[in-house]
Amino acid sequence: MIHTLVIFRVKKGRAADFESGHRELVALMGSQPGCIEIRAHRSLHDPLEYMVYGTWEDKPAWDRAHQTSRFKELFKRLPLAEHTLSRSSFFA
């Protein structure tokens, strides 16, 4: 089992757009084989920063889930200033 941590920084004035798109993306990820749990949290200190924490059966399950064409399509729509997806932190 692995745990993932991804940080998203949303473009100023676009938090509502991010939240609607991100809910759809989290629902998609949560329905993928090997996803045990996925949670999104908004920072209490910075309303433009979000953290997504996931628990996966193994790293191949995580890799499969975020390499689908639907994931890529939804991810591209998010109004992000920056993110850590390409350098996600993994914990055993």
N, C-alpha and C. Protein backbone atom coordinates (compact mmCIF):
# COMPACT_ATOMS: atom_id res chain seq x y z
N MET A 1 0.84 -1.17 0.00
CA MET A 1 0.00 0.00 0.00
C MET A 1 0.89 1.24 0.00
N ILE A 2 0.47 2.27 -0.77
CA ILE A 2 1.19 3.54 -0.76
C ILE A 2 0.21 4.68 -0.50
N HIS A 3 0.77 5.80 -0.09
CA HIS A 3 0.00 7.01 0.14
C HIS A 3 0.60 8.10 -0.74
N THR A 4 -0.26 8.91 -1.35
CA THR A 4 0.21 10.00 -2.20
C THR A 4 -0.24 11.33 -1.62
N LEU A 5 0.54 12.34 -1.87
CA LEU A 5 0.23 13.70 -1.43
C LEU A 5 0.54 14.64 -2.58
N VAL A 6 -0.49 15.36 -3.04
CA VAL A 6 -0.33 16.30 -4.14
C VAL A 6 -0.88 17.65 -3.69
N ILE A 7 -0.14 18.72 -3.96
CA ILE A 7 -0.55 20.07 -3.61
C ILE A 7 -0.93 20.82 -4.89
N PHE A 8 -2.04 21.53 -4.82
CA PHE A 8 -2.51 22.35 -5.93
C PHE A 8 -2.59 23.80 -5.49
N ARG A 9 -2.11 24.70 -6.32
CA ARG A 9 -2.26 26.14 -6.09
C ARG A 9 -3.13 26.67 -7.23
N VAL A 10 -4.27 27.24 -6.86
CA VAL A 10 -5.27 27.68 -7.81
C VAL A 10 -5.02 29.13 -8.23
N LYS A 11 -5.33 29.44 -9.47
CA LYS A 11 -5.21 30.82 -9.96
C LYS A 11 -6.17 31.72 -9.17
N LYS A 12 -5.71 32.90 -8.88
CA LYS A 12 -6.49 33.86 -8.12
C LYS A 12 -7.85 34.11 -8.79
N GLY A 13 -8.90 34.10 -7.97
CA GLY A 13 -10.25 34.34 -8.47
C GLY A 13 -10.90 33.15 -9.15
N ARG A 14 -10.26 31.99 -9.12
CA ARG A 14 -10.77 30.81 -9.84
C ARG A 14 -11.07 29.63 -8.92
N ALA A 15 -11.17 29.88 -7.61
CA ALA A 15 -11.40 28.79 -6.64
C ALA A 15 -12.69 28.04 -6.93
N ALA A 16 -13.78 28.73 -7.25
CA ALA A 16 -15.05 28.05 -7.52
C ALA A 16 -14.93 27.14 -8.74
N ASP A 17 -14.25 27.62 -9.79
CA ASP A 17 -14.03 26.79 -10.98
C ASP A 17 -13.21 25.56 -10.63
N PHE A 18 -12.18 25.77 -9.82
CA PHE A 18 -11.33 24.65 -9.42
C PHE A 18 -12.15 23.62 -8.64
N GLU A 19 -12.92 24.08 -7.67
CA GLU A 19 -13.66 23.14 -6.83
C GLU A 19 -14.63 22.29 -7.62
N SER A 20 -15.35 22.86 -8.56
CA SER A 20 -16.29 22.04 -9.34
C SER A 20 -15.55 21.03 -10.20
N GLY A 21 -14.49 21.45 -10.87
CA GLY A 21 -13.71 20.53 -11.69
C GLY A 21 -12.98 19.50 -10.87
N HIS A 22 -12.49 19.91 -9.73
CA HIS A 22 -11.73 19.00 -8.88
C HIS A 22 -12.62 17.93 -8.26
N ARG A 23 -13.86 18.28 -7.92
CA ARG A 23 -14.79 17.26 -7.39
C ARG A 23 -14.98 16.14 -8.40
N GLU A 24 -15.12 16.51 -9.66
CA GLU A 24 -15.28 15.49 -10.71
C GLU A 24 -14.02 14.63 -10.83
N LEU A 25 -12.88 15.26 -10.75
CA LEU A 25 -11.61 14.53 -10.85
C LEU A 25 -11.42 13.59 -9.65
N VAL A 26 -11.73 14.04 -8.46
CA VAL A 26 -11.60 13.20 -7.26
C VAL A 26 -12.57 12.01 -7.34
N ALA A 27 -13.79 12.25 -7.83
CA ALA A 27 -14.75 11.14 -7.99
C ALA A 27 -14.21 10.11 -8.97
N LEU A 28 -13.63 10.58 -10.08
CA LEU A 28 -13.04 9.66 -11.06
C LEU A 28 -11.92 8.84 -10.42
N MET A 29 -11.02 9.51 -9.74
CA MET A 29 -9.88 8.82 -9.12
C MET A 29 -10.35 7.81 -8.08
N GLY A 30 -11.35 8.20 -7.29
CA GLY A 30 -11.86 7.31 -6.24
C GLY A 30 -12.51 6.05 -6.78
N SER A 31 -12.95 6.10 -8.04
CA SER A 31 -13.61 4.93 -8.63
C SER A 31 -12.63 4.00 -9.35
N GLN A 32 -11.35 4.39 -9.40
CA GLN A 32 -10.36 3.58 -10.11
C GLN A 32 -9.97 2.34 -9.32
N PRO A 33 -9.73 1.21 -10.01
CA PRO A 33 -9.28 0.01 -9.31
C PRO A 33 -7.98 0.29 -8.54
N GLY A 34 -7.94 -0.13 -7.31
CA GLY A 34 -6.75 0.06 -6.49
C GLY A 34 -6.78 1.28 -5.60
N CYS A 35 -7.78 2.15 -5.79
CA CYS A 35 -7.91 3.32 -4.91
C CYS A 35 -8.63 2.90 -3.64
N ILE A 36 -7.98 3.07 -2.52
CA ILE A 36 -8.58 2.73 -1.24
C ILE A 36 -9.30 3.94 -0.66
N GLU A 37 -8.66 5.11 -0.78
CA GLU A 37 -9.25 6.33 -0.24
C GLU A 37 -8.60 7.53 -0.93
N ILE A 38 -9.39 8.57 -1.12
CA ILE A 38 -8.85 9.82 -1.64
C ILE A 38 -9.62 10.96 -0.97
N ARG A 39 -8.87 11.94 -0.49
CA ARG A 39 -9.47 13.08 0.20
C ARG A 39 -8.81 14.37 -0.28
N ALA A 40 -9.64 15.40 -0.42
CA ALA A 40 -9.13 16.72 -0.79
C ALA A 40 -9.39 17.67 0.36
N HIS A 41 -8.40 18.51 0.65
CA HIS A 41 -8.50 19.47 1.76
C HIS A 41 -8.07 20.84 1.26
N ARG A 42 -8.81 21.86 1.70
CA ARG A 42 -8.44 23.24 1.39
C ARG A 42 -7.68 23.81 2.57
N SER A 43 -6.62 24.53 2.29
CA SER A 43 -5.79 25.11 3.35
C SER A 43 -6.59 26.12 4.17
N LEU A 44 -6.39 26.07 5.48
CA LEU A 44 -7.00 27.06 6.36
C LEU A 44 -6.24 28.39 6.31
N HIS A 45 -4.99 28.34 5.90
CA HIS A 45 -4.13 29.53 5.87
C HIS A 45 -4.11 30.21 4.51
N ASP A 46 -4.31 29.43 3.45
CA ASP A 46 -4.24 29.97 2.10
C ASP A 46 -5.41 29.39 1.29
N PRO A 47 -6.46 30.15 1.07
CA PRO A 47 -7.64 29.61 0.39
C PRO A 47 -7.42 29.20 -1.07
N LEU A 48 -6.24 29.48 -1.62
CA LEU A 48 -5.93 29.07 -2.98
C LEU A 48 -5.09 27.81 -3.03
N GLU A 49 -4.84 27.20 -1.88
CA GLU A 49 -4.02 25.99 -1.83
C GLU A 49 -4.87 24.80 -1.36
N TYR A 50 -4.73 23.71 -2.09
CA TYR A 50 -5.45 22.47 -1.78
C TYR A 50 -4.44 21.33 -1.70
N MET A 51 -4.76 20.35 -0.87
CA MET A 51 -3.93 19.16 -0.75
C MET A 51 -4.83 17.95 -1.01
N VAL A 52 -4.35 17.05 -1.82
CA VAL A 52 -5.09 15.81 -2.07
C VAL A 52 -4.24 14.66 -1.56
N TYR A 53 -4.85 13.87 -0.68
CA TYR A 53 -4.19 12.73 -0.06
C TYR A 53 -4.89 11.48 -0.57
N GLY A 54 -4.12 10.51 -1.03
CA GLY A 54 -4.71 9.25 -1.50
C GLY A 54 -4.01 8.04 -0.94
N THR A 55 -4.77 6.98 -0.80
CA THR A 55 -4.23 5.69 -0.39
C THR A 55 -4.55 4.71 -1.53
N TRP A 56 -3.52 4.02 -1.97
CA TRP A 56 -3.62 3.12 -3.12
C TRP A 56 -3.07 1.75 -2.76
N GLU A 57 -3.60 0.72 -3.42
CA GLU A 57 -3.12 -0.65 -3.16
C GLU A 57 -1.62 -0.74 -3.39
N ASP A 58 -1.14 -0.11 -4.45
CA ASP A 58 0.29 -0.12 -4.77
C ASP A 58 0.57 0.99 -5.78
N LYS A 59 1.83 1.21 -6.08
CA LYS A 59 2.18 2.29 -7.01
C LYS A 59 1.65 2.03 -8.42
N PRO A 60 1.64 0.79 -8.91
CA PRO A 60 1.05 0.57 -10.23
C PRO A 60 -0.43 0.99 -10.31
N ALA A 61 -1.19 0.81 -9.23
CA ALA A 61 -2.59 1.24 -9.22
C ALA A 61 -2.67 2.76 -9.36
N TRP A 62 -1.83 3.48 -8.63
CA TRP A 62 -1.76 4.94 -8.75
C TRP A 62 -1.38 5.35 -10.18
N ASP A 63 -0.35 4.70 -10.71
CA ASP A 63 0.10 5.04 -12.06
C ASP A 63 -1.01 4.82 -13.09
N ARG A 64 -1.72 3.71 -12.99
CA ARG A 64 -2.81 3.43 -13.93
C ARG A 64 -3.91 4.48 -13.81
N ALA A 65 -4.25 4.86 -12.59
CA ALA A 65 -5.37 5.78 -12.36
C ALA A 65 -5.13 7.17 -12.94
N HIS A 66 -3.92 7.66 -12.85
CA HIS A 66 -3.71 9.02 -13.34
C HIS A 66 -3.12 9.08 -14.75
N GLN A 67 -3.10 7.96 -15.42
CA GLN A 67 -2.63 7.95 -16.80
C GLN A 67 -3.76 7.74 -17.81
N THR A 68 -5.00 7.77 -17.35
CA THR A 68 -6.13 7.59 -18.28
C THR A 68 -6.37 8.88 -19.06
N SER A 69 -6.96 8.75 -20.22
CA SER A 69 -7.25 9.93 -21.03
C SER A 69 -8.27 10.83 -20.33
N ARG A 70 -9.23 10.24 -19.61
CA ARG A 70 -10.23 11.06 -18.89
C ARG A 70 -9.56 11.87 -17.78
N PHE A 71 -8.65 11.27 -17.05
CA PHE A 71 -7.92 12.01 -16.02
C PHE A 71 -7.19 13.19 -16.64
N LYS A 72 -6.46 12.93 -17.71
CA LYS A 72 -5.68 13.98 -18.35
C LYS A 72 -6.58 15.12 -18.84
N GLU A 73 -7.73 14.77 -19.40
CA GLU A 73 -8.68 15.78 -19.88
C GLU A 73 -9.18 16.66 -18.73
N LEU A 74 -9.61 16.03 -17.64
CA LEU A 74 -10.13 16.78 -16.49
C LEU A 74 -9.03 17.61 -15.83
N PHE A 75 -7.84 17.06 -15.75
CA PHE A 75 -6.73 17.76 -15.10
C PHE A 75 -6.37 19.03 -15.87
N LYS A 76 -6.38 18.96 -17.19
CA LYS A 76 -6.03 20.12 -18.02
C LYS A 76 -7.02 21.26 -17.84
N ARG A 77 -8.25 20.96 -17.46
CA ARG A 77 -9.28 21.99 -17.27
C ARG A 77 -9.13 22.77 -15.97
N LEU A 78 -8.39 22.22 -15.02
CA LEU A 78 -8.27 22.88 -13.72
C LEU A 78 -7.50 24.19 -13.86
N PRO A 79 -7.99 25.28 -13.24
CA PRO A 79 -7.30 26.57 -13.32
C PRO A 79 -6.15 26.64 -12.30
N LEU A 80 -5.05 25.99 -12.62
CA LEU A 80 -3.95 25.87 -11.68
C LEU A 80 -2.83 26.86 -11.98
N ALA A 81 -2.31 27.45 -10.90
CA ALA A 81 -1.11 28.26 -11.00
C ALA A 81 0.11 27.35 -10.93
N GLU A 82 0.01 26.31 -10.09
CA GLU A 82 1.07 25.32 -9.98
C GLU A 82 0.53 24.09 -9.26
N HIS A 83 1.28 22.99 -9.36
CA HIS A 83 0.90 21.74 -8.70
C HIS A 83 2.14 20.88 -8.51
N THR A 84 2.00 19.86 -7.68
CA THR A 84 3.12 18.96 -7.43
C THR A 84 2.87 17.57 -7.99
N LEU A 85 1.92 17.43 -8.90
CA LEU A 85 1.59 16.10 -9.42
C LEU A 85 2.79 15.41 -10.04
N SER A 86 3.59 16.11 -10.81
CA SER A 86 4.71 15.47 -11.48
C SER A 86 5.82 15.06 -10.51
N ARG A 87 5.80 15.60 -9.31
CA ARG A 87 6.78 15.21 -8.31
C ARG A 87 6.08 14.81 -7.00
N SER A 88 4.99 14.07 -7.14
CA SER A 88 4.20 13.63 -5.98
C SER A 88 5.07 12.96 -4.94
N SER A 89 4.67 13.12 -3.70
CA SER A 89 5.33 12.42 -2.61
C SER A 89 4.65 11.10 -2.38
N PHE A 90 5.43 10.08 -2.21
CA PHE A 90 4.90 8.74 -1.96
C PHE A 90 5.40 8.25 -0.61
N PHE A 91 4.52 7.60 0.12
CA PHE A 91 4.86 7.08 1.44
C PHE A 91 4.40 5.63 1.51
N ALA A 92 5.26 4.77 2.03
CA ALA A 92 4.90 3.36 2.18
C ALA A 92 4.13 3.15 3.48
